[in-house]
Amino acid sequence: MDEKNEIIGNVSGKAVIFDMDGTLVDSTKADFLAWQKLFSHYNKELTFSDYLPLLGIKSSQVVRDFLPVKSEEEVQFALTRKLVFFHEIISENGIHPVPFADVFLKQISQYNIPLALATSSRRAKMEMVMEQLNLLIYFDTVVTGGDVENGKPSPEIFLKAAEKLNKIPGDCIVFEDASNGVKAAKNAGMKCVALASHLSHDSLQEADLVIDTFENLSFPNVCFQLNL
């Protein structure tokens, strides 16, 4: 049996869900700088160490929890300003996929396995980035932070992605890069592969598998390591 037939046999009925920032898109630095500029606008300091625990949390929740906003109108104003900052930064510096993420997506798509994108980012930011990188072509459905009430580590975003793919949680494999995202995937009852792009292996230890790169990553081998 060749590799393709073997993987189809092993994971028939499975689905894969990807996080976006830091997992598929090398946007962590640009996102941090945009948040830093927004925090500065409110006379608050944000270091990269302060930023890392915020990865995976809904942008609106970050604004409510850490900035002096008093109304939903002020929350939306802050989010719009942050998106402007982000657009300015990527317009100046460019935006790229996480190394070999596009190659790995193409590999998975060859097995006709349903794919979902589940990002805590707002839809406007998701579209700005994913369309620019031409990565949306790989996904059957997308769930963004605005589509759920509760952000990661709540499992809601992954459960909604599974529902849109008509899959049960146990049939889903999540790829994440943030500890909050890993927690969300495990809270959803899903297998989770964590990419250690910015965090240590120890910070991602709740994942079923931790990888350092998508380079030369074999999806059949990932499934084997997950005992699928």
C-alpha atoms as a PDB file:
ATOM      1  CA  MET A   1       0.000   0.000   0.000  1.00  0.00           C
ATOM      2  CA  ASP A   2       1.491   3.388  -0.957  1.00  0.00           C
ATOM      3  CA  GLU A   3       1.698   6.277   1.512  1.00  0.00           C
ATOM      4  CA  LYS A   4      -1.329   8.131   0.137  1.00  0.00           C
ATOM      5  CA  ASN A   5      -3.598   5.095   0.334  1.00  0.00           C
ATOM      6  CA  GLU A   6      -2.269   4.318   3.793  1.00  0.00           C
ATOM      7  CA  ILE A   7      -3.058   7.774   5.156  1.00  0.00           C
ATOM      8  CA  ILE A   8      -6.514   7.741   3.598  1.00  0.00           C
ATOM      9  CA  GLY A   9      -7.145   4.451   5.351  1.00  0.00           C
ATOM     10  CA  ASN A  10      -5.766   5.651   8.686  1.00  0.00           C
ATOM     11  CA  VAL A  11      -7.561   8.994   8.903  1.00  0.00           C
ATOM     12  CA  SER A  12     -10.697   8.452   6.869  1.00  0.00           C
ATOM     13  CA  GLY A  13     -13.346  10.728   8.336  1.00  0.00           C
ATOM     14  CA  LYS A  14     -10.847  12.990  10.108  1.00  0.00           C
ATOM     15  CA  ALA A  15     -10.505  16.780   9.755  1.00  0.00           C
ATOM     16  CA  VAL A  16      -7.738  19.298  10.404  1.00  0.00           C
ATOM     17  CA  ILE A  17      -8.145  22.730  12.028  1.00  0.00           C
ATOM     18  CA  PHE A  18      -5.428  25.387  11.878  1.00  0.00           C
ATOM     19  CA  ASP A  19      -4.850  28.461  13.976  1.00  0.00           C
ATOM     20  CA  MET A  20      -3.580  31.435  11.911  1.00  0.00           C
ATOM     21  CA  ASP A  21      -1.225  33.869  13.656  1.00  0.00           C
ATOM     22  CA  GLY A  22       2.103  32.235  14.419  1.00  0.00           C
ATOM     23  CA  THR A  23       0.910  28.877  13.093  1.00  0.00           C
ATOM     24  CA  LEU A  24       0.332  29.614   9.411  1.00  0.00           C
ATOM     25  CA  VAL A  25       1.241  33.289   9.158  1.00  0.00           C
ATOM     26  CA  ASP A  26       4.479  34.791  10.450  1.00  0.00           C
ATOM     27  CA  SER A  27       2.590  37.719  11.926  1.00  0.00           C
ATOM     28  CA  THR A  28       3.593  37.576  15.580  1.00  0.00           C
ATOM     29  CA  LYS A  29       6.102  40.443  15.416  1.00  0.00           C
ATOM     30  CA  ALA A  30       3.744  42.662  13.395  1.00  0.00           C
ATOM     31  CA  ASP A  31       0.856  41.838  15.730  1.00  0.00           C
ATOM     32  CA  PHE A  32       2.980  42.629  18.787  1.00  0.00           C
ATOM     33  CA  LEU A  33       4.095  45.964  17.332  1.00  0.00           C
ATOM     34  CA  ALA A  34       0.489  46.873  16.513  1.00  0.00           C
ATOM     35  CA  TRP A  35      -0.625  46.054  20.049  1.00  0.00           C
ATOM     36  CA  GLN A  36       2.357  47.944  21.443  1.00  0.00           C
ATOM     37  CA  LYS A  37       1.386  51.054  19.466  1.00  0.00           C
ATOM     38  CA  LEU A  38      -2.213  50.728  20.628  1.00  0.00           C
ATOM     39  CA  PHE A  39      -1.186  50.333  24.270  1.00  0.00           C
ATOM     40  CA  SER A  40       1.092  53.366  23.896  1.00  0.00           C
ATOM     41  CA  HIS A  41      -1.891  55.351  22.600  1.00  0.00           C
ATOM     42  CA  TYR A  42      -3.496  54.684  25.994  1.00  0.00           C
ATOM     43  CA  ASN A  43      -0.230  55.510  27.819  1.00  0.00           C
ATOM     44  CA  LYS A  44       0.373  51.876  28.705  1.00  0.00           C
ATOM     45  CA  GLU A  45       3.558  49.888  28.151  1.00  0.00           C
ATOM     46  CA  LEU A  46       3.579  46.463  26.497  1.00  0.00           C
ATOM     47  CA  THR A  47       6.724  44.346  26.336  1.00  0.00           C
ATOM     48  CA  PHE A  48       7.075  41.210  24.237  1.00  0.00           C
ATOM     49  CA  SER A  49       7.074  39.159  27.456  1.00  0.00           C
ATOM     50  CA  ASP A  50       3.766  40.794  28.394  1.00  0.00           C
ATOM     51  CA  TYR A  51       2.410  40.081  24.921  1.00  0.00           C
ATOM     52  CA  LEU A  52       3.158  36.353  24.741  1.00  0.00           C
ATOM     53  CA  PRO A  53       0.456  35.295  27.267  1.00  0.00           C
ATOM     54  CA  LEU A  54      -2.092  37.188  25.150  1.00  0.00           C
ATOM     55  CA  LEU A  55      -1.544  34.933  22.136  1.00  0.00           C
ATOM     56  CA  GLY A  56      -4.756  33.197  21.181  1.00  0.00           C
ATOM     57  CA  ILE A  57      -7.010  35.488  23.226  1.00  0.00           C
ATOM     58  CA  LYS A  58      -9.721  37.386  21.340  1.00  0.00           C
ATOM     59  CA  SER A  59      -8.638  40.913  20.467  1.00  0.00           C
ATOM     60  CA  SER A  60     -11.804  42.396  21.961  1.00  0.00           C
ATOM     61  CA  GLN A  61     -11.090  40.604  25.234  1.00  0.00           C
ATOM     62  CA  VAL A  62      -7.531  41.966  25.335  1.00  0.00           C
ATOM     63  CA  VAL A  63      -8.890  45.497  24.857  1.00  0.00           C
ATOM     64  CA  ARG A  64     -11.501  45.058  27.596  1.00  0.00           C
ATOM     65  CA  ASP A  65      -9.066  43.486  30.060  1.00  0.00           C
ATOM     66  CA  PHE A  66      -6.004  45.685  29.585  1.00  0.00           C
ATOM     67  CA  LEU A  67      -7.047  49.082  28.199  1.00  0.00           C
ATOM     68  CA  PRO A  68      -9.065  51.844  29.879  1.00  0.00           C
ATOM     69  CA  VAL A  69     -12.178  51.550  27.710  1.00  0.00           C
ATOM     70  CA  LYS A  70     -15.629  52.096  29.144  1.00  0.00           C
ATOM     71  CA  SER A  71     -18.064  51.275  26.366  1.00  0.00           C
ATOM     72  CA  GLU A  72     -18.485  48.884  23.463  1.00  0.00           C
ATOM     73  CA  GLU A  73     -18.037  51.854  21.138  1.00  0.00           C
ATOM     74  CA  GLU A  74     -14.618  52.516  22.681  1.00  0.00           C
ATOM     75  CA  VAL A  75     -13.728  48.821  22.308  1.00  0.00           C
ATOM     76  CA  GLN A  76     -14.548  48.908  18.609  1.00  0.00           C
ATOM     77  CA  PHE A  77     -12.634  52.171  18.166  1.00  0.00           C
ATOM     78  CA  ALA A  78      -9.551  50.577  19.759  1.00  0.00           C
ATOM     79  CA  LEU A  79      -9.853  47.466  17.581  1.00  0.00           C
ATOM     80  CA  THR A  80     -10.152  49.566  14.435  1.00  0.00           C
ATOM     81  CA  ARG A  81      -7.103  51.609  15.420  1.00  0.00           C
ATOM     82  CA  LYS A  82      -5.141  48.419  16.115  1.00  0.00           C
ATOM     83  CA  LEU A  83      -6.050  47.038  12.681  1.00  0.00           C
ATOM     84  CA  VAL A  84      -4.831  50.280  11.088  1.00  0.00           C
ATOM     85  CA  PHE A  85      -1.533  49.951  12.949  1.00  0.00           C
ATOM     86  CA  PHE A  86      -1.223  46.318  11.842  1.00  0.00           C
ATOM     87  CA  HIS A  87      -1.917  47.218   8.207  1.00  0.00           C
ATOM     88  CA  GLU A  88       0.692  49.993   8.314  1.00  0.00           C
ATOM     89  CA  ILE A  89       3.300  47.615   9.732  1.00  0.00           C
ATOM     90  CA  ILE A  90       2.765  44.821   7.216  1.00  0.00           C
ATOM     91  CA  SER A  91       2.551  47.339   4.358  1.00  0.00           C
ATOM     92  CA  GLU A  92       5.992  48.597   5.340  1.00  0.00           C
ATOM     93  CA  ASN A  93       7.609  45.273   6.253  1.00  0.00           C
ATOM     94  CA  GLY A  94       5.589  42.694   4.320  1.00  0.00           C
ATOM     95  CA  ILE A  95       3.926  39.530   5.590  1.00  0.00           C
ATOM     96  CA  HIS A  96       4.926  35.933   4.953  1.00  0.00           C
ATOM     97  CA  PRO A  97       3.689  32.430   5.728  1.00  0.00           C
ATOM     98  CA  VAL A  98       5.349  30.558   8.570  1.00  0.00           C
ATOM     99  CA  PRO A  99       8.193  28.700   6.818  1.00  0.00           C
ATOM    100  CA  PHE A 100       6.877  25.680   4.890  1.00  0.00           C
ATOM    101  CA  ALA A 101       3.322  26.128   6.216  1.00  0.00           C
ATOM    102  CA  ASP A 102       2.006  26.568   2.677  1.00  0.00           C
ATOM    103  CA  VAL A 103       3.845  23.422   1.577  1.00  0.00           C
ATOM    104  CA  PHE A 104       2.302  21.469   4.454  1.00  0.00           C
ATOM    105  CA  LEU A 105      -1.186  22.783   3.647  1.00  0.00           C
ATOM    106  CA  LYS A 106      -0.771  21.684   0.047  1.00  0.00           C
ATOM    107  CA  GLN A 107       0.357  18.246   1.221  1.00  0.00           C
ATOM    108  CA  ILE A 108      -2.729  17.791   3.439  1.00  0.00           C
ATOM    109  CA  SER A 109      -5.058  18.998   0.687  1.00  0.00           C
ATOM    110  CA  GLN A 110      -3.870  16.160  -1.538  1.00  0.00           C
ATOM    111  CA  TYR A 111      -5.579  13.693   0.807  1.00  0.00           C
ATOM    112  CA  ASN A 112      -8.981  15.402   0.480  1.00  0.00           C
ATOM    113  CA  ILE A 113      -9.182  15.909   4.245  1.00  0.00           C
ATOM    114  CA  PRO A 114     -11.530  18.736   5.318  1.00  0.00           C
ATOM    115  CA  LEU A 115      -9.661  21.827   6.538  1.00  0.00           C
ATOM    116  CA  ALA A 116     -10.862  24.661   8.768  1.00  0.00           C
ATOM    117  CA  LEU A 117      -9.212  27.877   9.896  1.00  0.00           C
ATOM    118  CA  ALA A 118      -9.989  28.885  13.490  1.00  0.00           C
ATOM    119  CA  THR A 119      -8.415  32.201  14.448  1.00  0.00           C
ATOM    120  CA  SER A 120      -9.027  34.533  17.370  1.00  0.00           C
ATOM    121  CA  SER A 121      -8.310  37.434  15.021  1.00  0.00           C
ATOM    122  CA  ARG A 122     -11.098  39.574  13.628  1.00  0.00           C
ATOM    123  CA  ARG A 123     -12.407  38.631  10.181  1.00  0.00           C
ATOM    124  CA  ALA A 124     -11.078  41.850   8.618  1.00  0.00           C
ATOM    125  CA  LYS A 125      -7.542  41.042   9.721  1.00  0.00           C
ATOM    126  CA  MET A 126      -7.878  37.385   8.690  1.00  0.00           C
ATOM    127  CA  GLU A 127      -9.006  38.345   5.198  1.00  0.00           C
ATOM    128  CA  MET A 128      -6.285  40.991   4.880  1.00  0.00           C
ATOM    129  CA  VAL A 129      -3.561  38.461   5.662  1.00  0.00           C
ATOM    130  CA  MET A 130      -4.849  35.198   4.212  1.00  0.00           C
ATOM    131  CA  GLU A 131      -5.944  36.687   0.893  1.00  0.00           C
ATOM    132  CA  GLN A 132      -2.610  38.456   0.502  1.00  0.00           C
ATOM    133  CA  LEU A 133      -0.803  35.143   1.014  1.00  0.00           C
ATOM    134  CA  ASN A 134      -3.342  33.171  -1.066  1.00  0.00           C
ATOM    135  CA  LEU A 135      -3.846  30.625   1.716  1.00  0.00           C
ATOM    136  CA  LEU A 136      -7.637  30.713   1.936  1.00  0.00           C
ATOM    137  CA  ILE A 137      -7.848  28.424  -1.091  1.00  0.00           C
ATOM    138  CA  TYR A 138      -6.979  25.458   1.146  1.00  0.00           C
ATOM    139  CA  PHE A 139      -9.829  25.904   3.633  1.00  0.00           C
ATOM    140  CA  ASP A 140     -13.374  24.586   3.527  1.00  0.00           C
ATOM    141  CA  THR A 141     -14.542  26.916   6.306  1.00  0.00           C
ATOM    142  CA  VAL A 142     -13.292  29.729   8.544  1.00  0.00           C
ATOM    143  CA  VAL A 143     -14.215  30.710  12.106  1.00  0.00           C
ATOM    144  CA  THR A 144     -12.914  33.999  13.527  1.00  0.00           C
ATOM    145  CA  GLY A 145     -12.949  35.644  16.926  1.00  0.00           C
ATOM    146  CA  GLY A 146     -16.054  37.575  16.000  1.00  0.00           C
ATOM    147  CA  ASP A 147     -17.977  34.351  15.416  1.00  0.00           C
ATOM    148  CA  VAL A 148     -17.743  33.155  19.021  1.00  0.00           C
ATOM    149  CA  GLU A 149     -18.674  34.501  22.436  1.00  0.00           C
ATOM    150  CA  ASN A 150     -15.721  33.023  24.298  1.00  0.00           C
ATOM    151  CA  GLY A 151     -12.105  33.147  23.174  1.00  0.00           C
ATOM    152  CA  LYS A 152      -9.374  30.591  23.729  1.00  0.00           C
ATOM    153  CA  PRO A 153      -8.734  28.738  26.036  1.00  0.00           C
ATOM    154  CA  SER A 154     -12.472  28.162  25.706  1.00  0.00           C
ATOM    155  CA  PRO A 155     -13.035  25.328  23.214  1.00  0.00           C
ATOM    156  CA  GLU A 156     -15.861  27.234  21.500  1.00  0.00           C
ATOM    157  CA  ILE A 157     -13.954  28.284  18.372  1.00  0.00           C
ATOM    158  CA  PHE A 158     -12.707  24.759  17.661  1.00  0.00           C
ATOM    159  CA  LEU A 159     -16.068  23.169  18.411  1.00  0.00           C
ATOM    160  CA  LYS A 160     -17.705  25.597  15.992  1.00  0.00           C
ATOM    161  CA  ALA A 161     -15.120  24.768  13.327  1.00  0.00           C
ATOM    162  CA  ALA A 162     -15.796  21.056  13.796  1.00  0.00           C
ATOM    163  CA  GLU A 163     -19.530  21.664  13.568  1.00  0.00           C
ATOM    164  CA  LYS A 164     -19.106  23.596  10.303  1.00  0.00           C
ATOM    165  CA  LEU A 165     -17.082  20.670   8.935  1.00  0.00           C
ATOM    166  CA  ASN A 166     -19.744  18.206  10.153  1.00  0.00           C
ATOM    167  CA  LYS A 167     -17.166  16.417  12.294  1.00  0.00           C
ATOM    168  CA  ILE A 168     -17.205  15.309  15.917  1.00  0.00           C
ATOM    169  CA  PRO A 169     -14.380  16.731  18.111  1.00  0.00           C
ATOM    170  CA  GLY A 170     -12.655  13.370  18.389  1.00  0.00           C
ATOM    171  CA  ASP A 171     -12.160  13.311  14.628  1.00  0.00           C
ATOM    172  CA  CYS A 172     -10.297  16.650  14.554  1.00  0.00           C
ATOM    173  CA  ILE A 173      -6.579  17.450  14.648  1.00  0.00           C
ATOM    174  CA  VAL A 174      -5.678  21.019  15.653  1.00  0.00           C
ATOM    175  CA  PHE A 175      -2.434  22.810  14.758  1.00  0.00           C
ATOM    176  CA  GLU A 176      -1.618  25.628  17.188  1.00  0.00           C
ATOM    177  CA  ASP A 177       1.335  27.708  18.393  1.00  0.00           C
ATOM    178  CA  ALA A 178      -0.010  29.278  21.600  1.00  0.00           C
ATOM    179  CA  SER A 179      -0.587  27.740  25.008  1.00  0.00           C
ATOM    180  CA  ASN A 180      -4.123  29.179  25.135  1.00  0.00           C
ATOM    181  CA  GLY A 181      -4.812  27.572  21.762  1.00  0.00           C
ATOM    182  CA  VAL A 182      -3.465  24.220  22.908  1.00  0.00           C
ATOM    183  CA  LYS A 183      -5.666  24.389  25.996  1.00  0.00           C
ATOM    184  CA  ALA A 184      -8.664  25.242  23.814  1.00  0.00           C
ATOM    185  CA  ALA A 185      -8.029  22.264  21.530  1.00  0.00           C
ATOM    186  CA  LYS A 186      -7.666  19.850  24.429  1.00  0.00           C
ATOM    187  CA  ASN A 187     -10.735  21.349  26.142  1.00  0.00           C
ATOM    188  CA  ALA A 188     -12.586  20.587  22.907  1.00  0.00           C
ATOM    189  CA  GLY A 189     -11.545  16.934  23.095  1.00  0.00           C
ATOM    190  CA  MET A 190      -9.330  17.151  20.007  1.00  0.00           C
ATOM    191  CA  LYS A 191      -5.826  15.985  19.177  1.00  0.00           C
ATOM    192  CA  CYS A 192      -3.401  18.910  19.146  1.00  0.00           C
ATOM    193  CA  VAL A 193      -0.076  19.480  17.394  1.00  0.00           C
ATOM    194  CA  ALA A 194       1.809  22.511  18.713  1.00  0.00           C
ATOM    195  CA  LEU A 195       4.344  24.464  16.670  1.00  0.00           C
ATOM    196  CA  ALA A 196       7.091  25.831  18.918  1.00  0.00           C
ATOM    197  CA  SER A 197       7.666  28.968  16.870  1.00  0.00           C
ATOM    198  CA  HIS A 198       7.814  31.457  19.760  1.00  0.00           C
ATOM    199  CA  LEU A 199       7.197  29.408  22.894  1.00  0.00           C
ATOM    200  CA  SER A 200       9.227  26.641  24.486  1.00  0.00           C
ATOM    201  CA  HIS A 201       8.279  22.973  24.353  1.00  0.00           C
ATOM    202  CA  ASP A 202       7.530  23.154  28.084  1.00  0.00           C
ATOM    203  CA  SER A 203       4.993  25.927  27.495  1.00  0.00           C
ATOM    204  CA  LEU A 204       3.210  23.694  24.982  1.00  0.00           C
ATOM    205  CA  GLN A 205       3.446  20.416  26.868  1.00  0.00           C
ATOM    206  CA  GLU A 206      -0.329  19.926  27.005  1.00  0.00           C
ATOM    207  CA  ALA A 207      -0.260  19.253  23.246  1.00  0.00           C
ATOM    208  CA  ASP A 208      -0.247  15.660  22.012  1.00  0.00           C
ATOM    209  CA  LEU A 209       2.751  16.447  19.799  1.00  0.00           C
ATOM    210  CA  VAL A 210       5.165  19.414  19.664  1.00  0.00           C
ATOM    211  CA  ILE A 211       7.056  20.227  16.463  1.00  0.00           C
ATOM    212  CA  ASP A 212       9.711  22.843  15.693  1.00  0.00           C
ATOM    213  CA  THR A 213       8.983  23.348  12.000  1.00  0.00           C
ATOM    214  CA  PHE A 214       6.794  22.308   9.084  1.00  0.00           C
ATOM    215  CA  GLU A 215       9.914  21.666   7.016  1.00  0.00           C
ATOM    216  CA  ASN A 216       9.913  18.076   5.723  1.00  0.00           C
ATOM    217  CA  LEU A 217       6.931  17.342   7.990  1.00  0.00           C
ATOM    218  CA  SER A 218       5.001  14.290   6.829  1.00  0.00           C
ATOM    219  CA  PHE A 219       1.281  14.319   7.548  1.00  0.00           C
ATOM    220  CA  PRO A 220       1.173  10.497   7.610  1.00  0.00           C
ATOM    221  CA  ASN A 221       3.957  10.546  10.203  1.00  0.00           C
ATOM    222  CA  VAL A 222       2.086  13.123  12.287  1.00  0.00           C
ATOM    223  CA  CYS A 223      -0.988  10.888  12.255  1.00  0.00           C
ATOM    224  CA  PHE A 224       1.133   7.894  13.239  1.00  0.00           C
ATOM    225  CA  GLN A 225       2.600   9.833  16.220  1.00  0.00           C
ATOM    226  CA  LEU A 226      -0.920  10.799  17.255  1.00  0.00           C
ATOM    227  CA  ASN A 227      -1.917   7.126  17.219  1.00  0.00           C
ATOM    228  CA  LEU A 228      -4.533   7.650  14.525  1.00  0.00           C
END
